[in-house]
Protein backbone atom coordinates (compact mmCIF):
# COMPACT_ATOMS: atom_id res chain seq x y z
CA MET A 1 -41.89 -20.60 26.59
CA SER A 2 -38.85 -18.91 28.08
CA LEU A 3 -37.10 -16.27 25.97
CA PRO A 4 -33.44 -15.32 26.40
CA SER A 5 -32.70 -12.09 28.24
CA PRO A 6 -31.41 -9.13 26.22
CA THR A 7 -27.67 -8.50 26.21
CA VAL A 8 -25.40 -5.63 25.21
CA ALA A 9 -23.03 -6.15 22.28
CA ASP A 10 -20.14 -4.60 24.25
CA PRO A 11 -19.89 -6.35 27.65
CA ALA A 12 -18.08 -3.30 29.07
CA ALA A 13 -21.24 -1.26 28.39
CA GLN A 14 -23.44 -3.70 30.31
CA GLN A 15 -23.35 -1.45 33.38
CA ASN A 16 -25.20 1.28 31.45
CA PHE A 17 -28.39 -0.78 31.16
CA ASP A 18 -30.94 -2.16 33.60
CA TRP A 19 -32.82 -5.34 32.64
CA LEU A 20 -36.35 -5.52 34.02
CA ALA A 21 -38.30 -8.76 33.71
CA GLY A 22 -35.86 -9.84 31.00
CA HIS A 23 -37.60 -7.93 28.22
CA LEU A 24 -37.74 -4.32 29.39
CA VAL A 25 -34.48 -2.41 29.13
CA VAL A 26 -33.78 1.08 30.48
CA GLY A 27 -30.72 2.94 29.23
CA ARG A 28 -29.33 6.08 27.64
CA GLY A 29 -29.18 6.48 23.87
CA SER A 30 -30.67 4.46 21.04
CA PRO A 31 -30.59 0.66 21.43
CA GLU A 32 -30.13 0.15 17.66
CA GLY A 33 -26.87 -1.68 17.05
CA VAL A 34 -26.19 -1.90 20.79
CA VAL A 35 -28.80 -3.96 22.66
CA ARG A 36 -29.48 -7.56 21.62
CA ALA A 37 -32.98 -8.77 22.36
CA THR A 38 -35.85 -10.83 20.98
CA PRO A 39 -38.84 -9.29 19.19
CA GLY A 40 -41.40 -7.87 21.60
CA SER A 41 -38.78 -6.46 23.96
CA LEU A 42 -39.11 -2.83 25.05
CA TYR A 43 -36.41 -0.22 25.61
CA VAL A 44 -36.81 3.14 27.39
CA ASP A 45 -34.20 5.80 26.56
CA GLU A 46 -33.77 8.04 29.61
CA ASP A 47 -32.22 10.71 27.35
CA GLY A 48 -34.85 10.38 24.61
CA GLY A 49 -37.09 13.14 23.36
CA ALA A 50 -40.31 13.23 21.37
CA GLY A 51 -40.56 10.08 19.28
CA ALA A 52 -37.32 8.67 20.66
CA THR A 53 -38.04 7.59 24.23
CA LEU A 54 -39.76 4.22 23.77
CA TYR A 55 -38.37 1.60 21.37
CA VAL A 56 -39.94 -1.73 20.44
CA LYS A 57 -37.87 -4.62 19.12
CA GLU A 58 -39.89 -5.55 16.03
CA SER A 59 -37.59 -7.94 14.17
CA GLY A 60 -34.48 -10.10 14.39
CA ASN A 61 -32.69 -11.62 17.36
CA GLY A 62 -29.56 -9.48 17.24
CA ASP A 63 -29.00 -5.84 18.09
CA THR A 64 -30.94 -4.35 15.16
CA GLY A 65 -34.67 -4.13 14.51
CA TRP A 66 -35.47 -1.53 17.19
CA VAL A 67 -38.18 0.97 16.18
CA ALA A 68 -38.84 4.24 18.03
CA LYS A 69 -42.47 4.84 18.95
C-alpha cells in the first residue's frame, strides 16, 4: 500500500521542511496545524526541547493530530 507524502498547508512554507522517505519530516517549530500527513508519520523539530522534539501523527489525514513524544 502506498501512502501519500506529507505536505505543508502553506505552499510558500514548503522550503522550510525536508521530506525523508515520505513519512519522516524535519523542520522548525511544531507541525500541528502546519504539516499534513497520514497517521504513523514522524516529525523532528530542529528547534524543539524536552518533550517537543519528536512528534508522531496519531490521527486524521490533515494537519492536526500531531502528538509530541
